[in-house]
Amino acid sequence: AAAARRWAERIAPARADLAARVADLVHG
């Protein structure tokens, strides 16, 4: 669980960045 929390802190921003860039590609 401790390891998952640490990884979530790193993966969540990366996933949000990818989602935002994909949305820019689709809508823009």
PDB file of all heavy atoms in Angstrom:
ATOM      1  N   ALA A   1       0.832  -1.212   0.000  1.00  0.00           N
ATOM      2  CA  ALA A   1       0.000   0.000   0.000  1.00  0.00           C
ATOM      3  C   ALA A   1       0.863   1.257   0.000  1.00  0.00           C
ATOM      4  O   ALA A   1       0.563   2.227  -0.701  1.00  0.00           O
ATOM      5  CB  ALA A   1      -0.929  -0.002   1.217  1.00  0.00           C
ATOM      6  N   ALA A   2       1.941   1.234   0.784  1.00  0.00           N
ATOM      7  CA  ALA A   2       2.842   2.392   0.822  1.00  0.00           C
ATOM      8  C   ALA A   2       3.490   2.615  -0.542  1.00  0.00           C
ATOM      9  O   ALA A   2       3.602   3.747  -1.034  1.00  0.00           O
ATOM     10  CB  ALA A   2       3.900   2.184   1.900  1.00  0.00           C
ATOM     11  N   ALA A   3       3.900   1.509  -1.186  1.00  0.00           N
ATOM     12  CA  ALA A   3       4.501   1.626  -2.515  1.00  0.00           C
ATOM     13  C   ALA A   3       3.481   2.149  -3.523  1.00  0.00           C
ATOM     14  O   ALA A   3       3.806   2.973  -4.390  1.00  0.00           O
ATOM     15  CB  ALA A   3       5.045   0.274  -2.956  1.00  0.00           C
ATOM     16  N   ALA A   4       2.233   1.685  -3.416  1.00  0.00           N
ATOM     17  CA  ALA A   4       1.187   2.144  -4.340  1.00  0.00           C
ATOM     18  C   ALA A   4       0.940   3.634  -4.185  1.00  0.00           C
ATOM     19  O   ALA A   4       0.719   4.345  -5.180  1.00  0.00           O
ATOM     20  CB  ALA A   4      -0.103   1.368  -4.086  1.00  0.00           C
ATOM     21  N   ARG A   5       0.982   4.140  -2.951  1.00  0.00           N
ATOM     22  CA  ARG A   5       0.798   5.579  -2.744  1.00  0.00           C
ATOM     23  C   ARG A   5       1.916   6.368  -3.402  1.00  0.00           C
ATOM     24  O   ARG A   5       1.681   7.405  -4.023  1.00  0.00           O
ATOM     25  CB  ARG A   5       0.729   5.890  -1.244  1.00  0.00           C
ATOM     26  CG  ARG A   5      -0.603   5.578  -0.602  1.00  0.00           C
ATOM     27  CD  ARG A   5      -0.720   6.240   0.763  1.00  0.00           C
ATOM     28  NE  ARG A   5       0.312   5.764   1.693  1.00  0.00           N
ATOM     29  CZ  ARG A   5       0.155   4.706   2.479  1.00  0.00           C
ATOM     30  NH1 ARG A   5      -0.970   4.006   2.441  1.00  0.00           N
ATOM     31  NH2 ARG A   5       1.113   4.340   3.308  1.00  0.00           N
ATOM     32  N   ARG A   6       3.144   5.861  -3.259  1.00  0.00           N
ATOM     33  CA  ARG A   6       4.275   6.572  -3.868  1.00  0.00           C
ATOM     34  C   ARG A   6       4.166   6.576  -5.391  1.00  0.00           C
ATOM     35  O   ARG A   6       4.422   7.582  -6.046  1.00  0.00           O
ATOM     36  CB  ARG A   6       5.591   5.929  -3.427  1.00  0.00           C
ATOM     37  CG  ARG A   6       5.936   6.179  -1.958  1.00  0.00           C
ATOM     38  CD  ARG A   6       7.383   5.839  -1.671  1.00  0.00           C
ATOM     39  NE  ARG A   6       7.645   4.407  -1.878  1.00  0.00           N
ATOM     40  CZ  ARG A   6       7.523   3.489  -0.933  1.00  0.00           C
ATOM     41  NH1 ARG A   6       7.123   3.844   0.285  1.00  0.00           N
ATOM     42  NH2 ARG A   6       7.797   2.230  -1.189  1.00  0.00           N
ATOM     43  N   TRP A   7       3.788   5.423  -5.951  1.00  0.00           N
ATOM     44  CA  TRP A   7       3.660   5.358  -7.402  1.00  0.00           C
ATOM     45  C   TRP A   7       2.491   6.210  -7.890  1.00  0.00           C
ATOM     46  O   TRP A   7       2.564   6.836  -8.955  1.00  0.00           O
ATOM     47  CB  TRP A   7       3.467   3.910  -7.844  1.00  0.00           C
ATOM     48  CG  TRP A   7       4.755   3.148  -7.916  1.00  0.00           C
ATOM     49  CD1 TRP A   7       5.148   2.113  -7.120  1.00  0.00           C
ATOM     50  CD2 TRP A   7       5.835   3.390  -8.811  1.00  0.00           C
ATOM     51  NE1 TRP A   7       6.403   1.678  -7.466  1.00  0.00           N
ATOM     52  CE2 TRP A   7       6.853   2.448  -8.512  1.00  0.00           C
ATOM     53  CE3 TRP A   7       6.053   4.299  -9.839  1.00  0.00           C
ATOM     54  CZ2 TRP A   7       8.055   2.401  -9.204  1.00  0.00           C
ATOM     55  CZ3 TRP A   7       7.254   4.262 -10.529  1.00  0.00           C
ATOM     56  CH2 TRP A   7       8.235   3.320 -10.215  1.00  0.00           C
ATOM     57  N   ALA A   8       1.403   6.257  -7.133  1.00  0.00           N
ATOM     58  CA  ALA A   8       0.253   7.071  -7.544  1.00  0.00           C
ATOM     59  C   ALA A   8       0.630   8.545  -7.621  1.00  0.00           C
ATOM     60  O   ALA A   8       0.151   9.273  -8.504  1.00  0.00           O
ATOM     61  CB  ALA A   8      -0.899   6.875  -6.572  1.00  0.00           C
ATOM     62  N   GLU A   9       1.482   8.992  -6.707  1.00  0.00           N
ATOM     63  CA  GLU A   9       1.906  10.394  -6.725  1.00  0.00           C
ATOM     64  C   GLU A   9       2.691  10.731  -7.979  1.00  0.00           C
ATOM     65  O   GLU A   9       2.728  11.883  -8.420  1.00  0.00           O
ATOM     66  CB  GLU A   9       2.749  10.682  -5.486  1.00  0.00           C
ATOM     67  CG  GLU A   9       1.952  10.641  -4.183  1.00  0.00           C
ATOM     68  CD  GLU A   9       2.846  10.759  -2.969  1.00  0.00           C
ATOM     69  OE1 GLU A   9       4.092  10.819  -3.147  1.00  0.00           O
ATOM     70  OE2 GLU A   9       2.316  10.788  -1.848  1.00  0.00           O
ATOM     71  N   ARG A  10       3.340   9.728  -8.595  1.00  0.00           N
ATOM     72  CA  ARG A  10       4.118   9.958  -9.813  1.00  0.00           C
ATOM     73  C   ARG A  10       3.300   9.666 -11.075  1.00  0.00           C
ATOM     74  O   ARG A  10       3.462  10.347 -12.087  1.00  0.00           O
ATOM     75  CB  ARG A  10       5.377   9.082  -9.797  1.00  0.00           C
ATOM     76  CG  ARG A  10       6.263   9.308  -8.580  1.00  0.00           C
ATOM     77  CD  ARG A  10       7.450   8.360  -8.572  1.00  0.00           C
ATOM     78  NE  ARG A  10       8.332   8.602  -9.700  1.00  0.00           N
ATOM     79  CZ  ARG A  10       9.425   7.875  -9.964  1.00  0.00           C
ATOM     80  NH1 ARG A  10       9.743   6.866  -9.169  1.00  0.00           N
ATOM     81  NH2 ARG A  10      10.183   8.143 -11.005  1.00  0.00           N
ATOM     82  N   ILE A  11       2.453   8.647 -11.006  1.00  0.00           N
ATOM     83  CA  ILE A  11       1.722   8.236 -12.198  1.00  0.00           C
ATOM     84  C   ILE A  11       0.528   9.144 -12.480  1.00  0.00           C
ATOM     85  O   ILE A  11       0.224   9.450 -13.640  1.00  0.00           O
ATOM     86  CB  ILE A  11       1.264   6.768 -12.059  1.00  0.00           C
ATOM     87  CG1 ILE A  11       2.487   5.839 -12.154  1.00  0.00           C
ATOM     88  CG2 ILE A  11       0.241   6.398 -13.116  1.00  0.00           C
ATOM     89  CD1 ILE A  11       2.153   4.376 -11.948  1.00  0.00           C
ATOM     90  N   ALA A  12      -0.170   9.594 -11.432  1.00  0.00           N
ATOM     91  CA  ALA A  12      -1.371  10.416 -11.642  1.00  0.00           C
ATOM     92  C   ALA A  12      -1.082  11.674 -12.462  1.00  0.00           C
ATOM     93  O   ALA A  12      -1.812  11.963 -13.428  1.00  0.00           O
ATOM     94  CB  ALA A  12      -2.009  10.764 -10.306  1.00  0.00           C
ATOM     95  N   PRO A  13      -0.036  12.461 -12.147  1.00  0.00           N
ATOM     96  CA  PRO A  13       0.245  13.642 -12.989  1.00  0.00           C
ATOM     97  C   PRO A  13       0.591  13.268 -14.424  1.00  0.00           C
ATOM     98  O   PRO A  13       0.198  13.970 -15.363  1.00  0.00           O
ATOM     99  CB  PRO A  13       1.426  14.307 -12.280  1.00  0.00           C
ATOM    100  CG  PRO A  13       1.401  13.792 -10.889  1.00  0.00           C
ATOM    101  CD  PRO A  13       0.883  12.404 -10.982  1.00  0.00           C
ATOM    102  N   ALA A  14       1.326  12.146 -14.595  1.00  0.00           N
ATOM    103  CA  ALA A  14       1.686  11.729 -15.949  1.00  0.00           C
ATOM    104  C   ALA A  14       0.445  11.322 -16.737  1.00  0.00           C
ATOM    105  O   ALA A  14       0.310  11.637 -17.931  1.00  0.00           O
ATOM    106  CB  ALA A  14       2.684  10.565 -15.891  1.00  0.00           C
ATOM    107  N   ARG A  15      -0.487  10.629 -16.085  1.00  0.00           N
ATOM    108  CA  ARG A  15      -1.716  10.229 -16.778  1.00  0.00           C
ATOM    109  C   ARG A  15      -2.571  11.450 -17.108  1.00  0.00           C
ATOM    110  O   ARG A  15      -3.172  11.520 -18.185  1.00  0.00           O
ATOM    111  CB  ARG A  15      -2.490   9.246 -15.899  1.00  0.00           C
ATOM    112  CG  ARG A  15      -3.732   8.687 -16.569  1.00  0.00           C
ATOM    113  CD  ARG A  15      -4.388   7.612 -15.734  1.00  0.00           C
ATOM    114  NE  ARG A  15      -3.616   6.367 -15.748  1.00  0.00           N
ATOM    115  CZ  ARG A  15      -3.102   5.785 -14.677  1.00  0.00           C
ATOM    116  NH1 ARG A  15      -3.293   6.317 -13.483  1.00  0.00           N
ATOM    117  NH2 ARG A  15      -2.429   4.660 -14.775  1.00  0.00           N
ATOM    118  N   ALA A  16      -2.642  12.418 -16.191  1.00  0.00           N
ATOM    119  CA  ALA A  16      -3.407  13.638 -16.449  1.00  0.00           C
ATOM    120  C   ALA A  16      -2.804  14.435 -17.602  1.00  0.00           C
ATOM    121  O   ALA A  16      -3.532  15.001 -18.434  1.00  0.00           O
ATOM    122  CB  ALA A  16      -3.465  14.495 -15.187  1.00  0.00           C
ATOM    123  N   ASP A  17      -1.459  14.470 -17.658  1.00  0.00           N
ATOM    124  CA  ASP A  17      -0.793  15.184 -18.750  1.00  0.00           C
ATOM    125  C   ASP A  17      -1.114  14.543 -20.089  1.00  0.00           C
ATOM    126  O   ASP A  17      -1.418  15.237 -21.072  1.00  0.00           O
ATOM    127  CB  ASP A  17       0.719  15.186 -18.502  1.00  0.00           C
ATOM    128  CG  ASP A  17       1.474  15.905 -19.604  1.00  0.00           C
ATOM    129  OD1 ASP A  17       1.108  17.052 -19.926  1.00  0.00           O
ATOM    130  OD2 ASP A  17       2.435  15.320 -20.157  1.00  0.00           O
ATOM    131  N   LEU A  18      -1.077  13.211 -20.145  1.00  0.00           N
ATOM    132  CA  LEU A  18      -1.396  12.515 -21.395  1.00  0.00           C
ATOM    133  C   LEU A  18      -2.851  12.758 -21.788  1.00  0.00           C
ATOM    134  O   LEU A  18      -3.158  13.007 -22.961  1.00  0.00           O
ATOM    135  CB  LEU A  18      -1.132  11.016 -21.236  1.00  0.00           C
ATOM    136  CG  LEU A  18      -1.520  10.146 -22.438  1.00  0.00           C
ATOM    137  CD1 LEU A  18      -0.729  10.560 -23.675  1.00  0.00           C
ATOM    138  CD2 LEU A  18      -1.295   8.673 -22.127  1.00  0.00           C
ATOM    139  N   ALA A  19      -3.776  12.699 -20.809  1.00  0.00           N
ATOM    140  CA  ALA A  19      -5.193  12.923 -21.111  1.00  0.00           C
ATOM    141  C   ALA A  19      -5.409  14.328 -21.666  1.00  0.00           C
ATOM    142  O   ALA A  19      -6.182  14.524 -22.620  1.00  0.00           O
ATOM    143  CB  ALA A  19      -6.034  12.710 -19.855  1.00  0.00           C
ATOM    144  N   ALA A  20      -4.742  15.311 -21.086  1.00  0.00           N
ATOM    145  CA  ALA A  20      -4.902  16.688 -21.555  1.00  0.00           C
ATOM    146  C   ALA A  20      -4.370  16.843 -22.983  1.00  0.00           C
ATOM    147  O   ALA A  20      -4.988  17.520 -23.817  1.00  0.00           O
ATOM    148  CB  ALA A  20      -4.169  17.646 -20.620  1.00  0.00           C
ATOM    149  N   ARG A  21      -3.226  16.198 -23.275  1.00  0.00           N
ATOM    150  CA  ARG A  21      -2.657  16.312 -24.625  1.00  0.00           C
ATOM    151  C   ARG A  21      -3.528  15.599 -25.660  1.00  0.00           C
ATOM    152  O   ARG A  21      -3.697  16.086 -26.782  1.00  0.00           O
ATOM    153  CB  ARG A  21      -1.235  15.756 -24.633  1.00  0.00           C
ATOM    154  CG  ARG A  21      -0.259  16.604 -23.819  1.00  0.00           C
ATOM    155  CD  ARG A  21       1.161  16.088 -23.915  1.00  0.00           C
ATOM    156  NE  ARG A  21       2.067  16.866 -23.064  1.00  0.00           N
ATOM    157  CZ  ARG A  21       2.605  18.037 -23.415  1.00  0.00           C
ATOM    158  NH1 ARG A  21       2.321  18.557 -24.610  1.00  0.00           N
ATOM    159  NH2 ARG A  21       3.412  18.679 -22.600  1.00  0.00           N
ATOM    160  N   VAL A  22      -4.112  14.461 -25.283  1.00  0.00           N
ATOM    161  CA  VAL A  22      -5.010  13.758 -26.205  1.00  0.00           C
ATOM    162  C   VAL A  22      -6.263  14.597 -26.460  1.00  0.00           C
ATOM    163  O   VAL A  22      -6.749  14.693 -27.591  1.00  0.00           O
ATOM    164  CB  VAL A  22      -5.379  12.372 -25.643  1.00  0.00           C
ATOM    165  CG1 VAL A  22      -6.499  11.741 -26.464  1.00  0.00           C
ATOM    166  CG2 VAL A  22      -4.165  11.461 -25.638  1.00  0.00           C
ATOM    167  N   ALA A  23      -6.791  15.214 -25.402  1.00  0.00           N
ATOM    168  CA  ALA A  23      -7.968  16.076 -25.577  1.00  0.00           C
ATOM    169  C   ALA A  23      -7.646  17.255 -26.492  1.00  0.00           C
ATOM    170  O   ALA A  23      -8.470  17.643 -27.333  1.00  0.00           O
ATOM    171  CB  ALA A  23      -8.447  16.582 -24.215  1.00  0.00           C
ATOM    172  N   ASP A  24      -6.443  17.819 -26.352  1.00  0.00           N
ATOM    173  CA  ASP A  24      -6.048  18.915 -27.238  1.00  0.00           C
ATOM    174  C   ASP A  24      -5.993  18.455 -28.690  1.00  0.00           C
ATOM    175  O   ASP A  24      -6.389  19.181 -29.608  1.00  0.00           O
ATOM    176  CB  ASP A  24      -4.682  19.465 -26.821  1.00  0.00           C
ATOM    177  CG  ASP A  24      -4.759  20.269 -25.536  1.00  0.00           C
ATOM    178  OD1 ASP A  24      -5.874  20.675 -25.168  1.00  0.00           O
ATOM    179  OD2 ASP A  24      -3.708  20.483 -24.893  1.00  0.00           O
ATOM    180  N   LEU A  25      -5.486  17.232 -28.899  1.00  0.00           N
ATOM    181  CA  LEU A  25      -5.420  16.705 -30.259  1.00  0.00           C
ATOM    182  C   LEU A  25      -6.810  16.506 -30.848  1.00  0.00           C
ATOM    183  O   LEU A  25      -7.062  16.828 -32.015  1.00  0.00           O
ATOM    184  CB  LEU A  25      -4.670  15.369 -30.260  1.00  0.00           C
ATOM    185  CG  LEU A  25      -3.145  15.431 -30.161  1.00  0.00           C
ATOM    186  CD1 LEU A  25      -2.575  14.027 -30.038  1.00  0.00           C
ATOM    187  CD2 LEU A  25      -2.555  16.119 -31.389  1.00  0.00           C
ATOM    188  N   VAL A  26      -7.719  15.971 -30.035  1.00  0.00           N
ATOM    189  CA  VAL A  26      -9.064  15.669 -30.546  1.00  0.00           C
ATOM    190  C   VAL A  26      -9.857  16.943 -30.798  1.00  0.00           C
ATOM    191  O   VAL A  26     -10.445  17.133 -31.871  1.00  0.00           O
ATOM    192  CB  VAL A  26      -9.806  14.754 -29.550  1.00  0.00           C
ATOM    193  CG1 VAL A  26     -11.262  14.569 -29.983  1.00  0.00           C
ATOM    194  CG2 VAL A  26      -9.110  13.395 -29.454  1.00  0.00           C
ATOM    195  N   HIS A  27      -9.888  17.834 -29.804  1.00  0.00           N
ATOM    196  CA  HIS A  27     -10.737  19.021 -29.909  1.00  0.00           C
ATOM    197  C   HIS A  27     -10.063  20.182 -30.641  1.00  0.00           C
ATOM    198  O   HIS A  27     -10.755  21.083 -31.117  1.00  0.00           O
ATOM    199  CB  HIS A  27     -11.166  19.485 -28.512  1.00  0.00           C
ATOM    200  CG  HIS A  27     -12.021  18.493 -27.794  1.00  0.00           C
ATOM    201  ND1 HIS A  27     -13.318  18.236 -28.155  1.00  0.00           N
ATOM    202  CD2 HIS A  27     -11.757  17.666 -26.746  1.00  0.00           C
ATOM    203  CE1 HIS A  27     -13.831  17.305 -27.373  1.00  0.00           C
ATOM    204  NE2 HIS A  27     -12.905  16.941 -26.509  1.00  0.00           N
ATOM    205  N   GLY A  28      -8.740  20.163 -30.705  1.00  0.00           N
ATOM    206  CA  GLY A  28      -8.046  21.275 -31.359  1.00  0.00           C
ATOM    207  C   GLY A  28      -7.378  20.895 -32.649  1.00  0.00           C
ATOM    208  O   GLY A  28      -6.472  21.595 -33.113  1.00  0.00           O
TER     209      GLY A  28
END
